[in-house]
Every structure is written in structure tokens, then in C-alpha cells.
Amino acid sequence: MSAESDLIDRFYTAFQHRDWAAMAACYHAEVEFSDPVFTHLQGRQPAAMWHMLLESASELSVSFSAVEGADGRGGANWVAVYPFSQTGRLVQNRIQASFEFRDGLIWRHCDQFDLWAWTRMALGPMGLLLGWTPFLRNKVRKMAAYRLSRFIDKHTEYR
């Protein structure tokens, strides 16, 4: 297994154990993260996001597969299953992750998933009807950004 694959495996194993500090240790100081909800995080923000999400997820199951890495790049597939905190509805989010590495750490991390499928699971009928619209997508993004900002305000290690 390559160094890149080992690091991806370590990252997701830490995720499975809800160890946000070990996840953060896999990230470069200048890491950039994006996904359909958190569209551009950098520096300490991605570590804060994982800390926030793991701290608030009372019931979370994470599995991962298809880990590969070589020549400064890598990828994996992972699935998160959890009840969405605001509605209690069960979400089974299937994600494709891609990575770039620098100095032996994750420098870029991009997660891709179907946001409309996520809104249908998390929000129910409203997600089904409006989850594809820019209005609801932007509302989800703004709420997530607001929650992360408040979390960082309370956790000075991420400033």
C-alpha cells in the first residue's frame, strides 16, 4: 500500500472512531476542503468542521472502501449513515472523495455527493420538492456555514 493510501486509511479509520484530532493530524496546515455543502474551507476550518459534525452526531456509522493512492493523489468511497439532527430523518450519504497530498499530508480534499438525494433523505417532502433548487441548496449551505462559524467562535483552537 502506498503512503497516500495509508494516510487515507488512517483518516477514515479515525473518522470511524470519531477521533477528530487524529483526522486533523492527517491534514496539511494549508489544506483546502470542498463538498456540495461546505463549498470552500481552508486552513483549520476543515478540522473544525469534522469536530463539529462528530460532536453533534449522536448516532453515526462510517464505512469506506476503494482506497487508492499514488503519485501525490488518491481517492476513496465512503458512506455516512446518521439521523439528521434537525429532522431526525435517517440519511445514508454515499460520497466519493478525492485527495491531493503535500509534505506527506492531505493538502486538498474534495467530497462529491448528490445534494438533491441528501435533501430528500434529510428533509423529506420539502427536500424532494425543492432540494434541486438553488434556493434550498443555498439555504442548506448558509445554515452549515453559520453553524461552523459559531462552532469556531466557541473553539479558539480553530481561529
N, C-alpha and C. Protein backbone atom coordinates (compact mmCIF):
# COMPACT_ATOMS: atom_id res chain seq x y z
N MET A 1 0.85 -1.18 0.00
CA MET A 1 0.00 0.00 0.00
C MET A 1 0.89 1.24 0.00
N SER A 2 0.51 2.25 -0.77
CA SER A 2 1.30 3.48 -0.87
C SER A 2 1.12 4.35 0.37
N ALA A 3 2.00 5.33 0.52
CA ALA A 3 1.89 6.27 1.64
C ALA A 3 0.58 7.04 1.57
N GLU A 4 0.15 7.37 0.35
CA GLU A 4 -1.12 8.09 0.19
C GLU A 4 -2.29 7.22 0.65
N SER A 5 -2.30 5.97 0.24
CA SER A 5 -3.36 5.05 0.65
C SER A 5 -3.37 4.84 2.16
N ASP A 6 -2.18 4.72 2.74
CA ASP A 6 -2.08 4.57 4.20
C ASP A 6 -2.70 5.76 4.92
N LEU A 7 -2.42 6.96 4.42
CA LEU A 7 -2.94 8.17 5.06
C LEU A 7 -4.47 8.24 4.93
N ILE A 8 -4.99 7.90 3.76
CA ILE A 8 -6.44 7.89 3.57
C ILE A 8 -7.08 6.87 4.52
N ASP A 9 -6.49 5.70 4.62
CA ASP A 9 -6.99 4.67 5.53
C ASP A 9 -6.97 5.17 6.97
N ARG A 10 -5.88 5.83 7.37
CA ARG A 10 -5.78 6.38 8.73
C ARG A 10 -6.85 7.44 8.98
N PHE A 11 -7.10 8.29 7.98
CA PHE A 11 -8.11 9.35 8.10
C PHE A 11 -9.49 8.75 8.36
N TYR A 12 -9.89 7.78 7.53
CA TYR A 12 -11.24 7.22 7.67
C TYR A 12 -11.37 6.29 8.87
N THR A 13 -10.29 5.64 9.27
CA THR A 13 -10.33 4.84 10.50
C THR A 13 -10.54 5.77 11.69
N ALA A 14 -9.87 6.91 11.70
CA ALA A 14 -10.10 7.90 12.76
C ALA A 14 -11.54 8.39 12.73
N PHE A 15 -12.07 8.60 11.54
CA PHE A 15 -13.46 9.02 11.38
C PHE A 15 -14.40 7.97 12.00
N GLN A 16 -14.16 6.70 11.71
CA GLN A 16 -14.99 5.63 12.27
C GLN A 16 -14.95 5.63 13.80
N HIS A 17 -13.80 6.03 14.36
CA HIS A 17 -13.64 6.07 15.82
C HIS A 17 -14.00 7.43 16.41
N ARG A 18 -14.53 8.31 15.56
CA ARG A 18 -14.97 9.65 16.00
C ARG A 18 -13.81 10.45 16.62
N ASP A 19 -12.63 10.27 16.07
CA ASP A 19 -11.41 10.91 16.59
C ASP A 19 -11.03 12.07 15.68
N TRP A 20 -11.67 13.23 15.92
CA TRP A 20 -11.43 14.39 15.05
C TRP A 20 -10.00 14.89 15.14
N ALA A 21 -9.34 14.70 16.28
CA ALA A 21 -7.95 15.14 16.40
C ALA A 21 -7.05 14.32 15.47
N ALA A 22 -7.27 13.02 15.41
CA ALA A 22 -6.49 12.17 14.51
C ALA A 22 -6.80 12.49 13.06
N MET A 23 -8.05 12.83 12.76
CA MET A 23 -8.40 13.24 11.40
C MET A 23 -7.65 14.52 11.04
N ALA A 24 -7.66 15.49 11.95
CA ALA A 24 -6.98 16.77 11.71
C ALA A 24 -5.49 16.57 11.51
N ALA A 25 -4.90 15.60 12.20
CA ALA A 25 -3.47 15.34 12.07
C ALA A 25 -3.10 14.84 10.67
N CYS A 26 -4.06 14.38 9.91
CA CYS A 26 -3.82 13.93 8.54
C CYS A 26 -3.80 15.09 7.55
N TYR A 27 -4.25 16.25 7.98
CA TYR A 27 -4.36 17.42 7.11
C TYR A 27 -3.12 18.30 7.16
N HIS A 28 -2.73 18.81 6.01
CA HIS A 28 -1.69 19.82 5.87
C HIS A 28 -2.20 21.13 6.50
N ALA A 29 -1.31 21.96 6.99
CA ALA A 29 -1.72 23.24 7.59
C ALA A 29 -2.46 24.13 6.60
N GLU A 30 -2.18 23.96 5.31
CA GLU A 30 -2.83 24.78 4.28
C GLU A 30 -3.87 23.98 3.49
N VAL A 31 -4.50 23.01 4.15
CA VAL A 31 -5.48 22.15 3.48
C VAL A 31 -6.64 22.96 2.92
N GLU A 32 -7.18 22.48 1.81
CA GLU A 32 -8.41 23.02 1.24
C GLU A 32 -9.41 21.88 1.14
N PHE A 33 -10.64 22.14 1.57
CA PHE A 33 -11.70 21.13 1.56
C PHE A 33 -12.91 21.70 0.85
N SER A 34 -13.59 20.84 0.08
CA SER A 34 -14.86 21.26 -0.50
C SER A 34 -15.79 20.05 -0.62
N ASP A 35 -17.07 20.34 -0.50
CA ASP A 35 -18.12 19.38 -0.80
C ASP A 35 -19.35 20.18 -1.20
N PRO A 36 -20.46 19.56 -1.56
CA PRO A 36 -21.61 20.33 -2.02
C PRO A 36 -22.23 21.25 -0.96
N VAL A 37 -21.95 21.03 0.32
CA VAL A 37 -22.48 21.90 1.38
C VAL A 37 -21.43 22.90 1.83
N PHE A 38 -20.26 22.42 2.23
CA PHE A 38 -19.15 23.28 2.64
C PHE A 38 -18.27 23.49 1.41
N THR A 39 -18.58 24.52 0.63
CA THR A 39 -18.01 24.63 -0.71
C THR A 39 -16.54 25.04 -0.75
N HIS A 40 -16.04 25.73 0.27
CA HIS A 40 -14.62 26.08 0.27
C HIS A 40 -14.16 26.37 1.69
N LEU A 41 -13.52 25.38 2.30
CA LEU A 41 -12.92 25.54 3.61
C LEU A 41 -11.41 25.43 3.45
N GLN A 42 -10.68 26.12 4.32
CA GLN A 42 -9.22 26.05 4.24
C GLN A 42 -8.60 26.23 5.61
N GLY A 43 -7.31 25.88 5.69
CA GLY A 43 -6.58 26.02 6.95
C GLY A 43 -7.18 25.13 8.04
N ARG A 44 -7.58 25.74 9.14
CA ARG A 44 -8.14 24.99 10.27
C ARG A 44 -9.63 24.69 10.12
N GLN A 45 -10.28 25.32 9.17
CA GLN A 45 -11.72 25.15 9.01
C GLN A 45 -12.15 23.70 8.76
N PRO A 46 -11.47 22.94 7.90
CA PRO A 46 -11.91 21.55 7.70
C PRO A 46 -11.85 20.72 8.99
N ALA A 47 -10.80 20.89 9.78
CA ALA A 47 -10.71 20.17 11.06
C ALA A 47 -11.84 20.58 11.98
N ALA A 48 -12.16 21.87 12.00
CA ALA A 48 -13.28 22.35 12.83
C ALA A 48 -14.59 21.74 12.36
N MET A 49 -14.77 21.63 11.05
CA MET A 49 -16.00 21.04 10.51
C MET A 49 -16.16 19.60 10.98
N TRP A 50 -15.10 18.78 10.85
CA TRP A 50 -15.20 17.39 11.29
C TRP A 50 -15.46 17.32 12.79
N HIS A 51 -14.79 18.15 13.57
CA HIS A 51 -15.00 18.19 15.02
C HIS A 51 -16.47 18.50 15.31
N MET A 52 -17.00 19.54 14.67
CA MET A 52 -18.39 19.94 14.87
C MET A 52 -19.35 18.81 14.49
N LEU A 53 -19.14 18.22 13.32
CA LEU A 53 -20.04 17.17 12.85
C LEU A 53 -19.99 15.93 13.75
N LEU A 54 -18.80 15.55 14.18
CA LEU A 54 -18.69 14.38 15.04
C LEU A 54 -19.24 14.64 16.43
N GLU A 55 -19.04 15.85 16.93
CA GLU A 55 -19.54 16.19 18.26
C GLU A 55 -21.07 16.21 18.29
N SER A 56 -21.68 16.60 17.19
CA SER A 56 -23.14 16.72 17.17
C SER A 56 -23.84 15.45 16.70
N ALA A 57 -23.11 14.50 16.15
CA ALA A 57 -23.72 13.27 15.63
C ALA A 57 -23.79 12.22 16.73
N SER A 58 -24.98 12.04 17.29
CA SER A 58 -25.12 11.07 18.37
C SER A 58 -25.03 9.64 17.86
N GLU A 59 -25.55 9.40 16.68
CA GLU A 59 -25.52 8.06 16.08
C GLU A 59 -24.97 8.20 14.67
N LEU A 60 -23.75 7.74 14.49
CA LEU A 60 -23.10 7.86 13.18
C LEU A 60 -22.37 6.57 12.88
N SER A 61 -22.56 6.08 11.67
CA SER A 61 -21.81 4.93 11.18
C SER A 61 -21.09 5.36 9.91
N VAL A 62 -19.79 5.09 9.86
CA VAL A 62 -18.98 5.43 8.69
C VAL A 62 -18.31 4.16 8.18
N SER A 63 -18.41 3.94 6.88
CA SER A 63 -17.67 2.85 6.25
C SER A 63 -16.95 3.43 5.04
N PHE A 64 -15.86 2.79 4.65
CA PHE A 64 -15.11 3.28 3.48
C PHE A 64 -14.55 2.11 2.70
N SER A 65 -14.31 2.37 1.41
CA SER A 65 -13.83 1.33 0.51
C SER A 65 -13.10 1.97 -0.66
N ALA A 66 -12.57 1.13 -1.52
CA ALA A 66 -11.92 1.55 -2.76
C ALA A 66 -10.85 2.62 -2.52
N VAL A 67 -10.07 2.43 -1.45
CA VAL A 67 -8.99 3.36 -1.16
C VAL A 67 -7.87 3.13 -2.16
N GLU A 68 -7.42 4.22 -2.77
CA GLU A 68 -6.28 4.13 -3.67
C GLU A 68 -5.50 5.43 -3.60
N GLY A 69 -4.21 5.31 -3.83
CA GLY A 69 -3.37 6.49 -3.82
C GLY A 69 -2.00 6.21 -4.38
N ALA A 70 -1.47 7.19 -5.08
CA ALA A 70 -0.12 7.10 -5.65
C ALA A 70 0.20 8.44 -6.29
N ASP A 71 1.48 8.75 -6.36
CA ASP A 71 1.95 9.93 -7.07
C ASP A 71 1.27 11.22 -6.62
N GLY A 72 1.06 11.36 -5.32
CA GLY A 72 0.53 12.61 -4.78
C GLY A 72 -0.97 12.78 -4.89
N ARG A 73 -1.67 11.74 -5.31
CA ARG A 73 -3.14 11.81 -5.44
C ARG A 73 -3.75 10.55 -4.84
N GLY A 74 -5.05 10.62 -4.56
CA GLY A 74 -5.73 9.45 -4.04
C GLY A 74 -7.23 9.63 -4.04
N GLY A 75 -7.90 8.57 -3.62
CA GLY A 75 -9.35 8.62 -3.57
C GLY A 75 -9.91 7.50 -2.72
N ALA A 76 -11.18 7.62 -2.40
CA ALA A 76 -11.89 6.60 -1.65
C ALA A 76 -13.39 6.84 -1.81
N ASN A 77 -14.14 5.81 -1.55
CA ASN A 77 -15.59 5.93 -1.44
C ASN A 77 -15.94 5.74 0.03
N TRP A 78 -16.89 6.51 0.52
CA TRP A 78 -17.30 6.31 1.90
C TRP A 78 -18.79 6.58 2.04
N VAL A 79 -19.35 5.99 3.09
CA VAL A 79 -20.79 6.12 3.36
C VAL A 79 -20.96 6.54 4.81
N ALA A 80 -21.76 7.57 5.02
CA ALA A 80 -22.13 8.01 6.37
C ALA A 80 -23.62 7.75 6.55
N VAL A 81 -23.97 7.07 7.64
CA VAL A 81 -25.36 6.81 7.98
C VAL A 81 -25.62 7.43 9.34
N TYR A 82 -26.64 8.30 9.40
CA TYR A 82 -26.93 9.03 10.63
C TYR A 82 -28.32 9.65 10.57
N PRO A 83 -28.92 9.92 11.73
CA PRO A 83 -30.17 10.68 11.72
C PRO A 83 -29.82 12.17 11.61
N PHE A 84 -30.45 12.87 10.69
CA PHE A 84 -30.21 14.30 10.53
C PHE A 84 -30.73 15.02 11.77
N SER A 85 -29.89 15.80 12.41
CA SER A 85 -30.20 16.38 13.72
C SER A 85 -31.45 17.26 13.71
N GLN A 86 -31.72 17.96 12.63
CA GLN A 86 -32.83 18.90 12.63
C GLN A 86 -34.18 18.24 12.37
N THR A 87 -34.19 17.04 11.78
CA THR A 87 -35.47 16.38 11.47
C THR A 87 -35.58 14.98 12.05
N GLY A 88 -34.45 14.40 12.43
CA GLY A 88 -34.45 13.02 12.91
C GLY A 88 -34.54 11.99 11.79
N ARG A 89 -34.62 12.44 10.54
CA ARG A 89 -34.74 11.53 9.40
C ARG A 89 -33.39 10.86 9.13
N LEU A 90 -33.44 9.58 8.76
CA LEU A 90 -32.22 8.82 8.52
C LEU A 90 -31.61 9.19 7.17
N VAL A 91 -30.32 9.47 7.19
CA VAL A 91 -29.56 9.81 5.98
C VAL A 91 -28.53 8.71 5.75
N GLN A 92 -28.44 8.27 4.52
CA GLN A 92 -27.37 7.35 4.10
C GLN A 92 -26.68 8.03 2.92
N ASN A 93 -25.61 8.75 3.23
CA ASN A 93 -24.94 9.58 2.24
C ASN A 93 -23.74 8.83 1.66
N ARG A 94 -23.75 8.64 0.34
CA ARG A 94 -22.67 7.96 -0.38
C ARG A 94 -21.79 9.02 -1.02
N ILE A 95 -20.50 8.97 -0.69
CA ILE A 95 -19.59 10.05 -1.06
C ILE A 95 -18.38 9.49 -1.78
N GLN A 96 -17.93 10.21 -2.81
CA GLN A 96 -16.68 9.91 -3.49
C GLN A 96 -15.69 11.00 -3.10
N ALA A 97 -14.57 10.59 -2.55
CA ALA A 97 -13.56 11.54 -2.09
C ALA A 97 -12.34 11.49 -3.00
N SER A 98 -11.79 12.66 -3.27
CA SER A 98 -10.51 12.73 -3.99
C SER A 98 -9.55 13.58 -3.16
N PHE A 99 -8.28 13.24 -3.25
CA PHE A 99 -7.26 13.87 -2.42
C PHE A 99 -6.04 14.24 -3.24
N GLU A 100 -5.39 15.31 -2.82
CA GLU A 100 -4.05 15.65 -3.27
C GLU A 100 -3.21 15.80 -2.01
N PHE A 101 -1.93 15.44 -2.12
CA PHE A 101 -1.06 15.41 -0.95
C PHE A 101 0.12 16.35 -1.13
N ARG A 102 0.57 16.89 -0.01
CA ARG A 102 1.77 17.72 0.02
C ARG A 102 2.47 17.46 1.35
N ASP A 103 3.76 17.29 1.30
CA ASP A 103 4.56 17.05 2.51
C ASP A 103 4.04 15.86 3.32
N GLY A 104 3.53 14.85 2.63
CA GLY A 104 3.05 13.65 3.29
C GLY A 104 1.71 13.78 3.98
N LEU A 105 0.99 14.86 3.72
CA LEU A 105 -0.31 15.10 4.35
C LEU A 105 -1.35 15.46 3.30
N ILE A 106 -2.62 15.39 3.69
CA ILE A 106 -3.70 15.76 2.78
C ILE A 106 -3.70 17.27 2.60
N TRP A 107 -3.53 17.70 1.37
CA TRP A 107 -3.48 19.12 1.05
C TRP A 107 -4.80 19.60 0.43
N ARG A 108 -5.40 18.76 -0.39
CA ARG A 108 -6.72 19.06 -0.96
C ARG A 108 -7.61 17.84 -0.76
N HIS A 109 -8.83 18.11 -0.32
CA HIS A 109 -9.81 17.05 -0.07
C HIS A 109 -11.12 17.52 -0.65
N CYS A 110 -11.62 16.78 -1.63
CA CYS A 110 -12.88 17.13 -2.28
C CYS A 110 -13.83 15.94 -2.17
N ASP A 111 -14.97 16.16 -1.52
CA ASP A 111 -16.01 15.14 -1.41
C ASP A 111 -17.14 15.48 -2.37
N GLN A 112 -17.60 14.50 -3.11
CA GLN A 112 -18.71 14.68 -4.04
C GLN A 112 -19.86 13.76 -3.64
N PHE A 113 -21.05 14.33 -3.59
CA PHE A 113 -22.26 13.54 -3.38
C PHE A 113 -23.44 14.28 -3.98
N ASP A 114 -24.54 13.57 -4.12
CA ASP A 114 -25.75 14.11 -4.72
C ASP A 114 -26.51 14.91 -3.66
N LEU A 115 -26.44 16.24 -3.74
CA LEU A 115 -27.07 17.09 -2.74
C LEU A 115 -28.59 16.95 -2.77
N TRP A 116 -29.17 16.76 -3.94
CA TRP A 116 -30.62 16.58 -4.01
C TRP A 116 -31.03 15.29 -3.29
N ALA A 117 -30.27 14.21 -3.50
CA ALA A 117 -30.56 12.96 -2.78
C ALA A 117 -30.43 13.18 -1.28
N TRP A 118 -29.41 13.94 -0.86
CA TRP A 118 -29.23 14.22 0.56
C TRP A 118 -30.42 15.00 1.11
N THR A 119 -30.88 16.04 0.39
CA THR A 119 -32.01 16.83 0.89
C THR A 119 -33.28 15.98 0.96
N ARG A 120 -33.45 15.05 0.03
CA ARG A 120 -34.63 14.17 0.08
C ARG A 120 -34.60 13.32 1.34
N MET A 121 -33.42 12.79 1.68
CA MET A 121 -33.31 11.97 2.89
C MET A 121 -33.43 12.81 4.15
N ALA A 122 -32.72 13.93 4.20
CA ALA A 122 -32.65 14.74 5.41
C ALA A 122 -33.91 15.54 5.67
N LEU A 123 -34.53 16.05 4.62
CA LEU A 123 -35.65 16.99 4.77
C LEU A 123 -36.99 16.41 4.36
N GLY A 124 -37.00 15.24 3.78
CA GLY A 124 -38.27 14.61 3.40
C GLY A 124 -38.94 15.30 2.23
N PRO A 125 -40.27 15.50 2.30
CA PRO A 125 -41.01 16.07 1.17
C PRO A 125 -40.48 17.42 0.69
N MET A 126 -40.05 18.28 1.63
CA MET A 126 -39.51 19.57 1.21
C MET A 126 -38.24 19.38 0.38
N GLY A 127 -37.39 18.44 0.78
CA GLY A 127 -36.19 18.15 0.01
C GLY A 127 -36.50 17.57 -1.35
N LEU A 128 -37.52 16.72 -1.40
CA LEU A 128 -37.93 16.14 -2.67
C LEU A 128 -38.41 17.22 -3.64
N LEU A 129 -39.23 18.13 -3.14
CA LEU A 129 -39.80 19.16 -4.00
C LEU A 129 -38.83 20.30 -4.32
N LEU A 130 -38.00 20.68 -3.34
CA LEU A 130 -37.18 21.88 -3.50
C LEU A 130 -35.67 21.63 -3.46
N GLY A 131 -35.25 20.40 -3.18
CA GLY A 131 -33.83 20.11 -3.00
C GLY A 131 -32.96 20.38 -4.21
N TRP A 132 -33.54 20.38 -5.37
CA TRP A 132 -32.79 20.64 -6.60
C TRP A 132 -32.66 22.13 -6.88
N THR A 133 -33.40 22.98 -6.16
CA THR A 133 -33.42 24.41 -6.46
C THR A 133 -32.23 25.13 -5.84
N PRO A 134 -31.74 26.17 -6.50
CA PRO A 134 -30.67 26.98 -5.90
C PRO A 134 -31.10 27.56 -4.55
N PHE A 135 -32.37 27.89 -4.40
CA PHE A 135 -32.85 28.47 -3.14
C PHE A 135 -32.56 27.55 -1.96
N LEU A 136 -33.00 26.29 -2.04
CA LEU A 136 -32.81 25.37 -0.91
C LEU A 136 -31.35 24.98 -0.76
N ARG A 137 -30.66 24.77 -1.86
CA ARG A 137 -29.23 24.43 -1.78
C ARG A 137 -28.45 25.53 -1.07
N ASN A 138 -28.73 26.78 -1.43
CA ASN A 138 -28.04 27.90 -0.79
C ASN A 138 -28.43 28.05 0.67
N LYS A 139 -29.69 27.76 0.99
CA LYS A 139 -30.13 27.81 2.39
C LYS A 139 -29.39 26.77 3.22
N VAL A 140 -29.25 25.56 2.69
CA VAL A 140 -28.51 24.50 3.38
C VAL A 140 -27.06 24.93 3.59
N ARG A 141 -26.44 25.50 2.56
CA ARG A 141 -25.05 25.96 2.66
C ARG A 141 -24.89 27.07 3.69
N LYS A 142 -25.81 28.03 3.68
CA LYS A 142 -25.73 29.16 4.62
C LYS A 142 -25.91 28.69 6.06
N MET A 143 -26.83 27.77 6.29
CA MET A 143 -27.03 27.23 7.64
C MET A 143 -25.79 26.48 8.12
N ALA A 144 -25.19 25.69 7.24
CA ALA A 144 -23.98 24.95 7.60
C ALA A 144 -22.83 25.90 7.90
N ALA A 145 -22.67 26.94 7.08
CA ALA A 145 -21.61 27.92 7.30
C ALA A 145 -21.82 28.67 8.61
N TYR A 146 -23.06 29.00 8.91
CA TYR A 146 -23.39 29.68 10.17
C TYR A 146 -23.05 28.79 11.36
N ARG A 147 -23.45 27.52 11.30
CA ARG A 147 -23.14 26.59 12.39
C ARG A 147 -21.64 26.44 12.58
N LEU A 148 -20.89 26.35 11.48
CA LEU A 148 -19.44 26.22 11.58
C LEU A 148 -18.82 27.48 12.16
N SER A 149 -19.28 28.63 11.74
CA SER A 149 -18.77 29.90 12.27
C SER A 149 -18.99 29.99 13.78
N ARG A 150 -20.17 29.63 14.23
CA ARG A 150 -20.47 29.64 15.67
C ARG A 150 -19.59 28.64 16.41
N PHE A 151 -19.36 27.48 15.82
CA PHE A 151 -18.52 26.46 16.44
C PHE A 151 -17.09 26.98 16.59
N ILE A 152 -16.57 27.60 15.54
CA ILE A 152 -15.20 28.14 15.59
C ILE A 152 -15.10 29.26 16.62
N ASP A 153 -16.13 30.08 16.73
CA ASP A 153 -16.14 31.14 17.75
C ASP A 153 -15.99 30.56 19.15
N LYS A 154 -16.56 29.39 19.39
CA LYS A 154 -16.52 28.76 20.71
C LYS A 154 -15.26 27.92 20.93
N HIS A 155 -14.55 27.58 19.86
CA HIS A 155 -13.37 26.73 19.94
C HIS A 155 -12.17 27.49 19.37
N THR A 156 -11.48 28.17 20.25
CA THR A 156 -10.40 29.08 19.82
C THR A 156 -9.26 28.36 19.10
N GLU A 157 -9.12 27.05 19.28
CA GLU A 157 -8.03 26.34 18.60
C GLU A 157 -8.18 26.36 17.08
N TYR A 158 -9.36 26.72 16.60
CA TYR A 158 -9.59 26.75 15.15
C TYR A 158 -9.53 28.15 14.56
N ARG A 159 -9.22 29.13 15.35
CA ARG A 159 -9.15 30.51 14.83
C ARG A 159 -7.79 30.78 14.23
